[in-house]
């Protein structure tokens, strides 16, 4: 929990160039399509922890964990 809070604070201070340099990002996308980076990390375990901690806070829209352009997970899940 504390790790996720620290990552959120860190992600908000990152500029877009610094965020792109990290391998994994957690992005919140609201109902109108506006997005913001919730967390960014170079480590997949840290990114998964941030993603998992952000799920209960995501009441609207989507939450996406991705590695560069590759989507690893989405909440809510997209039906296949």
C-alpha atoms as a PDB file:
ATOM      1  CA  UNK A   1       0.000   0.000   0.000  1.00  0.00           C
ATOM      2  CA  UNK A   2       2.734   2.458   0.976  1.00  0.00           C
ATOM      3  CA  UNK A   3       4.698   1.455  -2.095  1.00  0.00           C
ATOM      4  CA  UNK A   4       1.738   2.276  -4.331  1.00  0.00           C
ATOM      5  CA  UNK A   5       1.232   5.639  -2.639  1.00  0.00           C
ATOM      6  CA  UNK A   6       4.908   6.456  -3.100  1.00  0.00           C
ATOM      7  CA  UNK A   7       4.762   5.405  -6.758  1.00  0.00           C
ATOM      8  CA  UNK A   8       1.699   7.580  -7.366  1.00  0.00           C
ATOM      9  CA  UNK A   9       3.505  10.583  -5.934  1.00  0.00           C
ATOM     10  CA  UNK A  10       6.574   9.778  -7.985  1.00  0.00           C
ATOM     11  CA  UNK A  11       4.581   9.285 -11.195  1.00  0.00           C
ATOM     12  CA  UNK A  12       2.848  12.622 -10.813  1.00  0.00           C
ATOM     13  CA  UNK A  13       6.219  14.374 -10.640  1.00  0.00           C
ATOM     14  CA  UNK A  14       7.545  12.654 -13.772  1.00  0.00           C
ATOM     15  CA  UNK A  15       7.374  14.426 -17.068  1.00  0.00           C
ATOM     16  CA  UNK A  16       6.305  12.503 -20.161  1.00  0.00           C
ATOM     17  CA  UNK A  17       9.885  11.959 -21.338  1.00  0.00           C
ATOM     18  CA  UNK A  18      10.934  10.387 -18.025  1.00  0.00           C
ATOM     19  CA  UNK A  19       7.818   8.192 -17.987  1.00  0.00           C
ATOM     20  CA  UNK A  20       8.579   6.882 -21.480  1.00  0.00           C
ATOM     21  CA  UNK A  21      12.074   5.898 -20.318  1.00  0.00           C
ATOM     22  CA  UNK A  22      10.598   3.460 -17.782  1.00  0.00           C
ATOM     23  CA  UNK A  23       9.466   0.050 -19.030  1.00  0.00           C
ATOM     24  CA  UNK A  24       6.159  -0.326 -17.171  1.00  0.00           C
ATOM     25  CA  UNK A  25       3.385   2.184 -16.593  1.00  0.00           C
ATOM     26  CA  UNK A  26      -0.019   2.104 -14.942  1.00  0.00           C
ATOM     27  CA  UNK A  27      -2.444   4.477 -16.636  1.00  0.00           C
ATOM     28  CA  UNK A  28      -5.904   5.582 -15.544  1.00  0.00           C
ATOM     29  CA  UNK A  29      -8.282   6.386 -18.415  1.00  0.00           C
ATOM     30  CA  UNK A  30     -11.528   8.155 -17.537  1.00  0.00           C
ATOM     31  CA  UNK A  31     -14.901   7.798 -19.250  1.00  0.00           C
ATOM     32  CA  UNK A  32     -14.171  10.543 -21.790  1.00  0.00           C
ATOM     33  CA  UNK A  33     -10.762   9.113 -22.749  1.00  0.00           C
ATOM     34  CA  UNK A  34      -8.458  11.433 -20.794  1.00  0.00           C
ATOM     35  CA  UNK A  35      -5.521   9.532 -19.363  1.00  0.00           C
ATOM     36  CA  UNK A  36      -2.989  10.074 -16.602  1.00  0.00           C
ATOM     37  CA  UNK A  37      -0.031   8.005 -15.457  1.00  0.00           C
ATOM     38  CA  UNK A  38      -0.688   6.613 -11.987  1.00  0.00           C
ATOM     39  CA  UNK A  39       2.668   4.851 -11.608  1.00  0.00           C
ATOM     40  CA  UNK A  40       5.785   4.069 -13.608  1.00  0.00           C
ATOM     41  CA  UNK A  41       8.535   1.555 -12.886  1.00  0.00           C
ATOM     42  CA  UNK A  42      11.387  -0.358 -14.446  1.00  0.00           C
ATOM     43  CA  UNK A  43      10.474  -3.488 -12.500  1.00  0.00           C
ATOM     44  CA  UNK A  44       7.440  -5.648 -13.374  1.00  0.00           C
ATOM     45  CA  UNK A  45       6.809  -6.667  -9.753  1.00  0.00           C
ATOM     46  CA  UNK A  46       6.691  -3.045  -8.642  1.00  0.00           C
ATOM     47  CA  UNK A  47       4.386  -2.190 -11.551  1.00  0.00           C
ATOM     48  CA  UNK A  48       2.040  -5.083 -10.658  1.00  0.00           C
ATOM     49  CA  UNK A  49       1.965  -3.922  -7.033  1.00  0.00           C
ATOM     50  CA  UNK A  50       1.057  -0.387  -8.103  1.00  0.00           C
ATOM     51  CA  UNK A  51      -1.598  -1.701 -10.505  1.00  0.00           C
ATOM     52  CA  UNK A  52      -3.113  -3.961  -7.837  1.00  0.00           C
ATOM     53  CA  UNK A  53      -3.175  -1.140  -5.295  1.00  0.00           C
ATOM     54  CA  UNK A  54      -4.824   1.236  -7.788  1.00  0.00           C
ATOM     55  CA  UNK A  55      -7.708  -1.123  -8.658  1.00  0.00           C
ATOM     56  CA  UNK A  56      -9.849  -0.345  -5.572  1.00  0.00           C
ATOM     57  CA  UNK A  57      -9.494   3.382  -6.314  1.00  0.00           C
ATOM     58  CA  UNK A  58     -10.613   2.984  -9.940  1.00  0.00           C
ATOM     59  CA  UNK A  59     -14.366   3.597  -9.688  1.00  0.00           C
ATOM     60  CA  UNK A  60     -14.852   4.851 -13.254  1.00  0.00           C
ATOM     61  CA  UNK A  61     -13.119   4.326 -16.556  1.00  0.00           C
ATOM     62  CA  UNK A  62     -10.248   1.899 -17.009  1.00  0.00           C
ATOM     63  CA  UNK A  63      -6.910   1.088 -15.485  1.00  0.00           C
ATOM     64  CA  UNK A  64      -4.192  -0.250 -17.786  1.00  0.00           C
ATOM     65  CA  UNK A  65      -0.838  -1.838 -16.947  1.00  0.00           C
ATOM     66  CA  UNK A  66       1.455  -1.837 -19.925  1.00  0.00           C
ATOM     67  CA  UNK A  67       5.023  -2.472 -20.928  1.00  0.00           C
ATOM     68  CA  UNK A  68       5.741   0.206 -23.511  1.00  0.00           C
ATOM     69  CA  UNK A  69       2.989  -0.436 -26.141  1.00  0.00           C
ATOM     70  CA  UNK A  70       2.106  -3.944 -24.908  1.00  0.00           C
ATOM     71  CA  UNK A  71      -0.947  -4.137 -22.626  1.00  0.00           C
ATOM     72  CA  UNK A  72      -0.332  -6.580 -19.768  1.00  0.00           C
ATOM     73  CA  UNK A  73      -3.580  -6.123 -17.812  1.00  0.00           C
ATOM     74  CA  UNK A  74      -6.747  -4.020 -17.822  1.00  0.00           C
ATOM     75  CA  UNK A  75      -9.354  -3.297 -15.193  1.00  0.00           C
ATOM     76  CA  UNK A  76     -12.153  -3.906 -15.706  1.00  0.00           C
ATOM     77  CA  UNK A  77     -11.187  -6.830 -17.867  1.00  0.00           C
ATOM     78  CA  UNK A  78     -12.085  -6.605 -21.538  1.00  0.00           C
ATOM     79  CA  UNK A  79     -14.134  -9.624 -22.670  1.00  0.00           C
ATOM     80  CA  UNK A  80     -12.399 -11.786 -25.262  1.00  0.00           C
END
